[in-house]
Amino acid sequence: MKSHKPLLSAFAVGALMFAGTLIAQDVPPPPAPAMPAAPATSPVPAAPMPPAEPMPPAEPMPSSAPAAPMPSSEPMPAPAAGAAGQASYQTPQGEVVVRSVPAPAPTIGPAPAFEQLSGGGKSITAEQAVAYPPLANDFIHADSNRNGTVSKTEYANWTKQL
């Protein structure tokens, strides 16, 4: 007969870990704010407030600003067909046009000379690589021997891939 102890112990460990995560997520609510003590003397009635002056009417929103959607129990209608990356919706306040296009790709000049990035040293550190964002972003890949620095040969190989 085969023993089920490894299976049971793995199950027990898993159950304990699951229970521990549930307990760890149980955060008690913050305490209620303390109420100030009532004054010992009788309160003095406040003087009546003068009537507020009416506010001037708000200026209408420019047509380029999208109107905020009003809460409704009705589902939002499907967008009307339009240009690529554009959708328009009819709302009680008027038409709302949503334009969604990706940001243009950044233009980055050619890679600087190794000596410029290394500061005259034999290698480029991660801190020095920040001066050229593509290298800082790809530093782990450029550091092919994983020693924490980019040598002149590694830099030359990396720039060939650009």
Protein backbone atom coordinates (compact mmCIF):
# COMPACT_ATOMS: atom_id res chain seq x y z
CA MET A 1 0.00 0.00 0.00
CA LYS A 2 1.33 3.39 -1.00
CA SER A 3 1.63 6.18 1.57
CA HIS A 4 -0.34 9.40 1.05
CA LYS A 5 1.69 11.41 3.56
CA PRO A 6 3.54 13.59 0.97
CA LEU A 7 0.26 14.42 -0.74
CA LEU A 8 -1.49 15.20 2.54
CA SER A 9 1.36 17.31 3.85
CA ALA A 10 1.50 19.29 0.58
CA PHE A 11 -2.25 19.80 0.80
CA ALA A 12 -2.00 20.89 4.44
CA VAL A 13 0.81 23.36 3.65
CA GLY A 14 -1.21 24.78 0.76
CA ALA A 15 -4.31 25.13 2.93
CA LEU A 16 -2.31 26.91 5.65
CA MET A 17 -0.76 29.28 3.12
CA PHE A 18 -4.18 30.06 1.67
CA ALA A 19 -5.62 30.68 5.13
CA GLY A 20 -2.66 32.89 5.98
CA THR A 21 -3.21 35.06 2.91
CA LEU A 22 -6.87 35.44 3.81
CA ILE A 23 -6.01 36.45 7.36
CA ALA A 24 -3.31 38.85 6.15
CA GLN A 25 -5.86 40.57 3.89
CA ASP A 26 -8.36 41.07 6.72
CA VAL A 27 -7.68 44.68 7.61
CA PRO A 28 -9.72 46.09 10.50
CA PRO A 29 -11.64 49.28 9.75
CA PRO A 30 -10.13 52.54 10.98
CA PRO A 31 -11.39 53.79 14.34
CA ALA A 32 -14.31 56.20 14.31
CA PRO A 33 -13.31 59.84 14.71
CA ALA A 34 -13.64 61.14 18.24
CA MET A 35 -16.63 63.38 18.79
CA PRO A 36 -15.92 66.65 20.60
CA ALA A 37 -17.34 66.84 24.09
CA ALA A 38 -20.60 68.76 24.44
CA PRO A 39 -20.15 72.18 26.04
CA ALA A 40 -21.19 72.43 29.67
CA THR A 41 -23.12 75.66 29.08
CA SER A 42 -26.19 76.03 26.96
CA PRO A 43 -25.44 76.86 23.36
CA VAL A 44 -26.00 80.43 22.17
CA PRO A 45 -28.21 80.58 19.09
CA ALA A 46 -26.33 81.65 16.00
CA ALA A 47 -27.21 84.89 14.26
CA PRO A 48 -29.32 84.36 11.15
CA MET A 49 -27.38 84.27 7.92
CA PRO A 50 -28.25 86.89 5.29
CA PRO A 51 -29.71 85.45 2.09
CA ALA A 52 -27.10 84.43 -0.42
CA GLU A 53 -26.73 86.45 -3.58
CA PRO A 54 -27.66 84.55 -6.73
CA MET A 55 -24.73 83.31 -8.74
CA PRO A 56 -24.35 84.49 -12.34
CA PRO A 57 -25.20 81.87 -14.97
CA ALA A 58 -22.33 79.64 -15.96
CA GLU A 59 -20.77 80.16 -19.35
CA PRO A 60 -21.43 77.35 -21.83
CA MET A 61 -18.62 74.86 -22.38
CA PRO A 62 -16.63 75.28 -25.58
CA SER A 63 -17.56 72.79 -28.25
CA SER A 64 -14.04 71.29 -28.20
CA ALA A 65 -14.39 70.16 -24.57
CA PRO A 66 -16.15 66.79 -24.18
CA ALA A 67 -19.27 66.76 -22.04
CA ALA A 68 -19.23 64.60 -18.92
CA PRO A 69 -21.51 61.57 -19.29
CA MET A 70 -24.66 61.70 -17.24
CA PRO A 71 -25.38 58.67 -15.07
CA SER A 72 -28.10 56.64 -16.65
CA SER A 73 -29.71 53.29 -16.23
CA GLU A 74 -29.68 52.85 -20.01
CA PRO A 75 -26.66 51.17 -21.63
CA MET A 76 -24.30 53.41 -23.62
CA PRO A 77 -25.05 53.24 -27.36
CA ALA A 78 -22.47 51.84 -29.73
CA PRO A 79 -20.10 54.43 -31.17
CA ALA A 80 -20.87 55.86 -34.59
CA ALA A 81 -18.53 54.88 -37.38
CA GLY A 82 -15.82 57.46 -37.96
CA ALA A 83 -12.17 57.84 -38.78
CA ALA A 84 -9.67 55.32 -37.44
CA GLY A 85 -9.05 55.94 -33.75
CA GLN A 86 -12.17 58.08 -33.43
CA ALA A 87 -15.64 57.39 -32.06
CA SER A 88 -18.61 59.68 -31.51
CA TYR A 89 -21.46 59.24 -29.04
CA GLN A 90 -24.77 61.06 -28.79
CA THR A 91 -25.46 62.23 -25.25
CA PRO A 92 -28.27 64.36 -23.79
CA GLN A 93 -25.82 67.30 -23.84
CA GLY A 94 -24.82 66.74 -27.47
CA GLU A 95 -22.30 64.74 -29.47
CA VAL A 96 -19.11 63.58 -27.76
CA VAL A 97 -16.16 62.75 -30.01
CA VAL A 98 -13.38 60.56 -28.61
CA ARG A 99 -10.08 60.57 -30.46
CA SER A 100 -7.62 57.89 -29.47
CA VAL A 101 -4.34 57.56 -31.30
CA PRO A 102 -0.97 56.33 -30.10
CA ALA A 103 1.65 58.87 -29.22
CA PRO A 104 4.25 59.47 -31.89
CA ALA A 105 7.43 57.46 -31.58
CA PRO A 106 10.23 59.43 -29.95
CA THR A 107 13.00 60.57 -32.24
CA ILE A 108 16.36 59.64 -30.84
CA GLY A 109 19.61 60.57 -32.49
CA PRO A 110 22.47 58.23 -33.30
CA ALA A 111 24.25 56.43 -30.49
CA PRO A 112 27.01 58.52 -28.91
CA ALA A 113 30.61 57.38 -28.91
CA PHE A 114 31.60 54.79 -26.29
CA GLU A 115 34.17 57.17 -24.80
CA GLN A 116 31.50 59.84 -24.29
CA LEU A 117 29.21 57.48 -22.31
CA SER A 118 31.99 55.77 -20.37
CA GLY A 119 33.57 59.07 -19.33
CA GLY A 120 36.92 57.86 -20.68
CA GLY A 121 36.73 54.59 -18.74
CA LYS A 122 36.90 50.98 -19.93
CA SER A 123 33.18 50.27 -19.49
CA ILE A 124 29.76 51.88 -19.16
CA THR A 125 27.88 51.46 -15.89
CA ALA A 126 24.09 51.51 -15.56
CA GLU A 127 24.32 55.01 -14.06
CA GLN A 128 26.33 56.26 -17.05
CA ALA A 129 23.94 54.57 -19.51
CA VAL A 130 21.13 56.89 -18.35
CA ALA A 131 22.71 59.59 -20.54
CA TYR A 132 21.48 57.65 -23.61
CA PRO A 133 17.92 56.39 -22.89
CA PRO A 134 17.91 53.54 -25.46
CA LEU A 135 21.00 52.03 -23.82
CA ALA A 136 19.58 52.53 -20.32
CA ASN A 137 16.38 50.79 -21.43
CA ASP A 138 18.30 47.91 -23.02
CA PHE A 139 21.23 47.77 -20.57
CA ILE A 140 20.65 44.16 -19.46
CA HIS A 141 20.63 43.00 -23.08
CA ALA A 142 23.68 45.08 -24.00
CA ASP A 143 25.61 43.62 -21.01
CA SER A 144 25.94 40.20 -22.67
CA ASN A 145 28.31 38.71 -20.05
CA ARG A 146 26.07 39.95 -17.17
CA ASN A 147 28.88 41.59 -15.18
CA GLY A 148 26.98 44.84 -14.56
CA THR A 149 28.92 46.94 -17.09
CA VAL A 150 28.98 47.28 -20.87
CA SER A 151 32.43 46.95 -22.43
CA LYS A 152 33.49 48.63 -25.68
CA THR A 153 32.96 45.37 -27.59
CA GLU A 154 29.52 44.84 -26.04
CA TYR A 155 28.59 48.43 -26.90
CA ALA A 156 29.74 47.99 -30.50
CA ASN A 157 27.69 44.77 -30.82
CA TRP A 158 24.66 46.49 -29.27
CA THR A 159 24.85 49.51 -31.61
CA LYS A 160 24.91 47.18 -34.64
CA GLN A 161 21.43 45.98 -33.63
CA LEU A 162 19.93 49.51 -33.67
